[in-house]
């Protein structure tokens, strides 16, 4: 069974995914013709298997042994292979061969995010906000005949490392139809003029085994000279939001509570054979469109 590829919304968005526990296809199981074709098409976008991957000129990532990297426009093509709309904000992608774990990079240049809220992050309040977002999205899902979701809680509560200027958290989401569960692991790497957004999605039992590997991989990330967080200078653009808004995702309810963002709308679609993607696109600032909606490959009947 293929691991679903998760498209990343430009800037701040509420993103929740669920995946059945058998996300990884057993090696002994015969690969379907559909899977073979998809792997063949993925290979055509072009991959680098050693050295360093360029993340849109803003940062770079060392390519770990056993992984491969493709740049932003090719990442967008891979997303399209999985039935998603093109992703102009993609900076690059790391993955293993076959249908292994996916790490997607996307840069948000909305400005320097001050970390003065680092000691004020309220995980309980943020979780309630996200649950309200899911409840709101379920109304639209029901109207469209899509499976409703339940946010079960933090797999990892929000935490900020003020030495590396890295914000991270993980949510556990469940399908109310199949009971399938997955973890949506989010990382935000603060830079001088924006934020590198990174996503890893996996089944719950895969989180701990993958987490150490993911963190080691992210140890190979660095902003290019002049774009590091500590290189901020007076006169640089400053983001109109802080750490709390980055975590909240500035969805409909977060926007109402924080007064920083206005909701654009929502678009919901099915992803793969065992996953559902929920995306709430937003407006960054008031009335300024910086969000973008993404669809996903249709889920076959009966799943």
Protein backbone atom coordinates (compact mmCIF):
# COMPACT_ATOMS: atom_id res chain seq x y z
CA UNK A 1 0.00 0.00 0.00
CA UNK A 2 1.43 3.37 -1.00
CA UNK A 3 2.11 6.07 1.52
CA UNK A 4 -0.04 9.09 0.66
CA UNK A 5 1.84 12.12 -0.52
CA UNK A 6 0.68 15.19 1.33
CA UNK A 7 0.48 18.48 -0.56
CA UNK A 8 1.42 21.52 1.49
CA UNK A 9 -0.66 24.68 1.38
CA UNK A 10 1.12 27.96 0.75
CA UNK A 11 1.62 29.77 4.05
CA UNK A 12 -0.44 29.02 7.11
CA UNK A 13 -3.08 26.33 6.79
CA UNK A 14 -4.91 23.73 8.84
CA UNK A 15 -3.79 20.37 7.48
CA UNK A 16 -4.97 17.02 8.85
CA UNK A 17 -4.49 13.59 7.36
CA UNK A 18 -5.44 10.08 8.35
CA UNK A 19 -3.95 6.88 7.05
CA UNK A 20 -4.76 3.20 7.62
CA UNK A 21 -2.19 1.32 9.67
CA UNK A 22 -1.05 -0.76 6.70
CA UNK A 23 0.35 2.28 4.90
CA UNK A 24 3.61 0.51 4.02
CA UNK A 25 3.24 -2.25 1.45
CA UNK A 26 4.85 -5.55 2.53
CA UNK A 27 7.93 -6.37 0.45
CA UNK A 28 6.62 -9.83 -0.36
CA UNK A 29 3.30 -8.53 -1.65
CA UNK A 30 3.16 -8.24 -5.44
CA UNK A 31 3.18 -4.65 -6.62
CA UNK A 32 0.15 -3.67 -8.67
CA UNK A 33 0.45 -2.38 -12.21
CA UNK A 34 -0.87 0.95 -10.98
CA UNK A 35 1.93 1.19 -8.42
CA UNK A 36 4.56 0.23 -10.99
CA UNK A 37 3.33 2.91 -13.35
CA UNK A 38 3.31 5.53 -10.62
CA UNK A 39 6.87 4.68 -9.57
CA UNK A 40 7.97 4.91 -13.20
CA UNK A 41 6.37 8.33 -13.61
CA UNK A 42 7.89 9.53 -10.32
CA UNK A 43 11.36 8.54 -11.51
CA UNK A 44 10.96 10.69 -14.62
CA UNK A 45 10.86 13.96 -12.65
CA UNK A 46 14.56 13.57 -11.85
CA UNK A 47 16.23 12.84 -8.52
CA UNK A 48 19.56 13.55 -6.84
CA UNK A 49 20.76 10.75 -4.57
CA UNK A 50 23.83 12.26 -2.94
CA UNK A 51 25.24 15.61 -1.96
CA UNK A 52 23.03 18.58 -1.11
CA UNK A 53 19.56 19.61 -2.21
CA UNK A 54 18.88 23.28 -3.01
CA UNK A 55 15.68 24.55 -1.38
CA UNK A 56 14.76 27.42 -3.65
CA UNK A 57 17.97 29.33 -3.02
CA UNK A 58 16.91 30.09 0.55
CA UNK A 59 18.27 26.98 2.24
CA UNK A 60 19.83 23.59 1.61
CA UNK A 61 19.44 20.06 2.90
CA UNK A 62 22.02 17.27 3.00
CA UNK A 63 20.72 14.16 1.25
CA UNK A 64 21.00 11.21 3.68
CA UNK A 65 22.15 7.80 2.51
CA UNK A 66 19.21 5.87 1.13
CA UNK A 67 17.25 9.03 0.31
CA UNK A 68 16.71 10.98 -2.89
CA UNK A 69 15.92 14.66 -3.46
CA UNK A 70 14.03 16.60 -6.10
CA UNK A 71 13.62 20.36 -6.45
CA UNK A 72 10.53 22.53 -6.18
CA UNK A 73 8.99 22.28 -9.65
CA UNK A 74 9.59 18.51 -9.74
CA UNK A 75 7.99 18.25 -6.29
CA UNK A 76 4.95 19.93 -7.80
CA UNK A 77 4.91 17.34 -10.58
CA UNK A 78 5.02 14.51 -8.05
CA UNK A 79 2.09 16.08 -6.25
CA UNK A 80 0.21 16.15 -9.55
CA UNK A 81 0.93 12.45 -10.05
CA UNK A 82 -1.03 11.87 -6.87
CA UNK A 83 -3.91 13.94 -8.20
CA UNK A 84 -3.07 17.26 -6.56
CA UNK A 85 -2.99 20.70 -8.12
CA UNK A 86 0.47 22.16 -8.86
CA UNK A 87 2.26 23.63 -5.85
CA UNK A 88 4.17 26.75 -6.78
CA UNK A 89 5.50 27.25 -3.24
CA UNK A 90 7.27 23.87 -3.06
CA UNK A 91 11.00 24.17 -2.40
CA UNK A 92 11.89 20.48 -2.61
CA UNK A 93 11.25 16.94 -1.43
CA UNK A 94 13.19 14.16 0.25
CA UNK A 95 12.04 10.56 0.07
CA UNK A 96 13.41 7.04 0.01
CA UNK A 97 13.07 4.76 -3.00
CA UNK A 98 9.65 3.31 -3.71
CA UNK A 99 6.80 4.55 -1.54
CA UNK A 100 8.80 5.42 1.56
CA UNK A 101 8.36 8.37 3.93
CA UNK A 102 7.93 11.82 2.38
CA UNK A 103 9.46 15.06 3.61
CA UNK A 104 8.15 18.13 1.79
CA UNK A 105 9.71 21.60 2.08
CA UNK A 106 7.84 24.83 1.35
CA UNK A 107 9.04 28.36 2.06
CA UNK A 108 6.80 31.12 3.42
CA UNK A 109 8.34 34.55 2.85
CA UNK A 110 5.76 36.50 4.86
CA UNK A 111 8.48 37.96 7.08
CA UNK A 112 10.62 37.48 10.17
CA UNK A 113 8.60 35.71 12.89
CA UNK A 114 9.41 37.01 16.35
CA UNK A 115 9.68 34.28 18.98
CA UNK A 116 8.59 36.37 21.96
CA UNK A 117 5.67 33.95 22.52
CA UNK A 118 7.99 31.00 23.14
CA UNK A 119 7.09 30.82 26.84
CA UNK A 120 3.39 31.48 26.28
CA UNK A 121 2.38 28.57 24.02
CA UNK A 122 -0.88 27.13 25.39
CA UNK A 123 -1.13 23.58 24.03
CA UNK A 124 -4.60 22.97 25.50
CA UNK A 125 -6.07 26.14 23.96
CA UNK A 126 -4.44 25.42 20.61
CA UNK A 127 -5.79 21.86 20.60
CA UNK A 128 -9.29 23.16 21.24
CA UNK A 129 -8.88 25.62 18.36
CA UNK A 130 -7.80 22.84 16.03
CA UNK A 131 -10.71 20.64 17.12
CA UNK A 132 -13.07 23.49 16.29
CA UNK A 133 -11.42 23.78 12.88
CA UNK A 134 -11.95 20.06 12.24
CA UNK A 135 -15.58 20.29 13.40
CA UNK A 136 -16.14 23.16 10.99
CA UNK A 137 -14.46 21.29 8.14
CA UNK A 138 -16.60 18.21 8.86
CA UNK A 139 -19.72 20.20 7.95
CA UNK A 140 -18.31 20.70 4.47
CA UNK A 141 -17.06 17.11 4.30
CA UNK A 142 -20.55 15.84 5.12
CA UNK A 143 -22.10 18.03 2.44
CA UNK A 144 -19.64 16.63 -0.11
CA UNK A 145 -20.18 13.03 0.98
CA UNK A 146 -16.64 12.73 2.34
CA UNK A 147 -15.55 10.89 5.46
CA UNK A 148 -15.58 13.01 8.60
CA UNK A 149 -12.51 13.24 10.81
CA UNK A 150 -11.78 13.34 14.51
CA UNK A 151 -8.76 15.04 16.04
CA UNK A 152 -7.64 12.73 18.83
CA UNK A 153 -5.02 14.97 20.34
CA UNK A 154 -1.36 15.87 20.32
CA UNK A 155 1.02 13.06 19.42
CA UNK A 156 3.68 15.62 20.32
CA UNK A 157 2.61 18.90 21.98
CA UNK A 158 3.99 22.12 20.47
CA UNK A 159 7.56 22.86 21.46
CA UNK A 160 10.08 25.51 20.46
CA UNK A 161 13.87 25.27 20.46
CA UNK A 162 15.20 28.80 20.84
CA UNK A 163 18.73 27.70 20.00
CA UNK A 164 17.84 26.34 16.57
CA UNK A 165 14.71 28.52 16.18
CA UNK A 166 12.67 25.43 15.36
CA UNK A 167 8.99 24.97 16.16
CA UNK A 168 7.46 21.49 16.01
CA UNK A 169 4.33 19.55 16.90
CA UNK A 170 2.38 16.45 15.83
CA UNK A 171 -1.34 15.70 15.72
CA UNK A 172 -3.15 12.36 15.68
CA UNK A 173 -6.19 12.26 13.38
CA UNK A 174 -8.77 9.47 12.92
CA UNK A 175 -11.28 8.69 10.19
CA UNK A 176 -14.78 8.30 11.62
CA UNK A 177 -15.59 5.85 8.81
CA UNK A 178 -12.72 3.38 8.73
CA UNK A 179 -11.05 4.16 12.05
CA UNK A 180 -7.76 4.68 10.20
CA UNK A 181 -5.33 6.86 12.11
CA UNK A 182 -2.21 8.76 11.18
CA UNK A 183 0.22 11.29 12.55
CA UNK A 184 0.76 14.66 10.94
CA UNK A 185 4.19 15.87 12.09
CA UNK A 186 4.92 19.55 11.45
CA UNK A 187 8.16 21.51 11.68
CA UNK A 188 8.74 25.24 11.19
CA UNK A 189 12.30 26.48 10.78
CA UNK A 190 12.46 30.23 11.36
CA UNK A 191 14.69 32.30 9.10
CA UNK A 192 15.63 35.93 8.58
CA UNK A 193 12.74 36.81 6.25
CA UNK A 194 10.38 33.86 6.52
CA UNK A 195 9.74 30.28 7.59
CA UNK A 196 10.64 26.95 6.01
CA UNK A 197 7.64 24.65 6.49
CA UNK A 198 8.37 20.92 6.62
CA UNK A 199 5.93 18.01 6.79
CA UNK A 200 6.28 14.34 7.64
CA UNK A 201 3.14 12.15 7.67
CA UNK A 202 3.12 8.59 8.97
CA UNK A 203 1.07 5.94 10.75
CA UNK A 204 1.10 6.17 14.57
CA UNK A 205 3.31 3.11 15.06
CA UNK A 206 5.84 4.58 12.63
CA UNK A 207 6.26 7.89 14.45
CA UNK A 208 8.86 6.92 17.02
CA UNK A 209 11.01 4.83 14.62
CA UNK A 210 10.85 7.62 12.02
CA UNK A 211 11.22 10.54 14.41
CA UNK A 212 14.86 9.96 15.24
CA UNK A 213 15.67 9.47 11.55
CA UNK A 214 13.70 12.59 10.61
CA UNK A 215 15.45 14.71 13.23
CA UNK A 216 18.84 13.45 12.07
CA UNK A 217 17.85 14.33 8.52
CA UNK A 218 16.80 17.82 9.57
CA UNK A 219 20.20 18.21 11.18
CA UNK A 220 21.44 18.54 7.60
CA UNK A 221 19.21 21.58 6.98
CA UNK A 222 20.65 25.08 6.95
CA UNK A 223 19.68 28.47 5.64
CA UNK A 224 22.12 30.02 3.18
CA UNK A 225 24.36 32.79 4.41
CA UNK A 226 22.37 35.96 4.92
CA UNK A 227 19.06 34.15 5.53
CA UNK A 228 19.66 32.80 9.03
CA UNK A 229 17.37 33.87 11.86
CA UNK A 230 20.19 35.61 13.73
CA UNK A 231 21.01 37.68 10.64
CA UNK A 232 17.83 39.76 10.96
CA UNK A 233 18.46 43.46 10.45
CA UNK A 234 16.42 46.55 11.23
CA UNK A 235 14.30 47.35 8.23
CA UNK A 236 13.68 43.69 7.32
CA UNK A 237 10.08 42.63 6.82
CA UNK A 238 8.45 41.38 10.04
CA UNK A 239 5.59 38.86 9.98
CA UNK A 240 2.25 40.03 11.37
CA UNK A 241 1.92 36.87 13.48
CA UNK A 242 3.88 34.87 16.03
CA UNK A 243 4.52 31.29 17.12
CA UNK A 244 0.95 30.71 18.28
CA UNK A 245 -0.43 31.57 14.84
CA UNK A 246 2.10 29.27 13.17
CA UNK A 247 0.81 26.37 15.25
CA UNK A 248 -2.87 27.29 15.03
CA UNK A 249 -2.62 27.37 11.25
CA UNK A 250 -4.83 30.49 11.12
CA UNK A 251 -7.88 28.47 10.10
CA UNK A 252 -11.40 29.82 10.51
CA UNK A 253 -11.61 29.67 14.29
CA UNK A 254 -7.98 30.60 14.90
CA UNK A 255 -8.50 33.67 12.74
CA UNK A 256 -11.55 34.72 14.71
CA UNK A 257 -9.79 34.29 18.04
CA UNK A 258 -6.50 35.97 17.16
CA UNK A 259 -7.82 38.61 14.82
CA UNK A 260 -4.81 38.24 12.51
CA UNK A 261 -6.23 36.43 9.50
CA UNK A 262 -9.42 36.17 7.50
CA UNK A 263 -10.71 32.89 6.19
CA UNK A 264 -10.77 32.44 2.42
CA UNK A 265 -12.69 29.18 2.28
CA UNK A 266 -12.21 25.43 2.28
CA UNK A 267 -11.74 22.68 -0.25
CA UNK A 268 -11.87 19.04 0.70
CA UNK A 269 -10.98 15.99 -1.39
CA UNK A 270 -9.91 12.37 -0.98
CA UNK A 271 -6.34 11.20 -1.11
CA UNK A 272 -5.14 7.73 -2.17
CA UNK A 273 -6.76 4.48 -1.04
CA UNK A 274 -6.41 5.05 2.67
CA UNK A 275 -6.02 8.73 3.40
CA UNK A 276 -8.04 11.89 3.51
CA UNK A 277 -6.63 15.37 3.26
CA UNK A 278 -8.25 18.40 4.83
CA UNK A 279 -7.05 21.80 3.75
CA UNK A 280 -8.32 25.15 4.93
CA UNK A 281 -6.73 27.91 2.88
CA UNK A 282 -6.41 31.33 4.49
CA UNK A 283 -5.73 34.97 3.85
CA UNK A 284 -2.42 36.26 5.24
CA UNK A 285 -3.05 39.64 6.82
CA UNK A 286 -6.42 41.20 6.21
CA UNK A 287 -7.93 40.73 2.75
CA UNK A 288 -4.57 39.83 1.13
CA UNK A 289 -4.66 36.51 -0.69
CA UNK A 290 -1.63 34.33 -0.03
CA UNK A 291 -3.38 30.97 0.37
CA UNK A 292 -3.93 28.30 -2.28
CA UNK A 293 -6.26 25.32 -2.35
CA UNK A 294 -5.20 21.80 -3.25
CA UNK A 295 -7.23 18.79 -4.33
CA UNK A 296 -6.21 15.15 -4.07
CA UNK A 297 -6.57 11.82 -5.83
CA UNK A 298 -10.02 10.29 -5.53
CA UNK A 299 -10.51 7.47 -3.05
CA UNK A 300 -11.91 4.30 -4.66
CA UNK A 301 -15.44 3.22 -3.62
CA UNK A 302 -15.69 0.98 -0.59
CA UNK A 303 -12.56 2.22 1.19
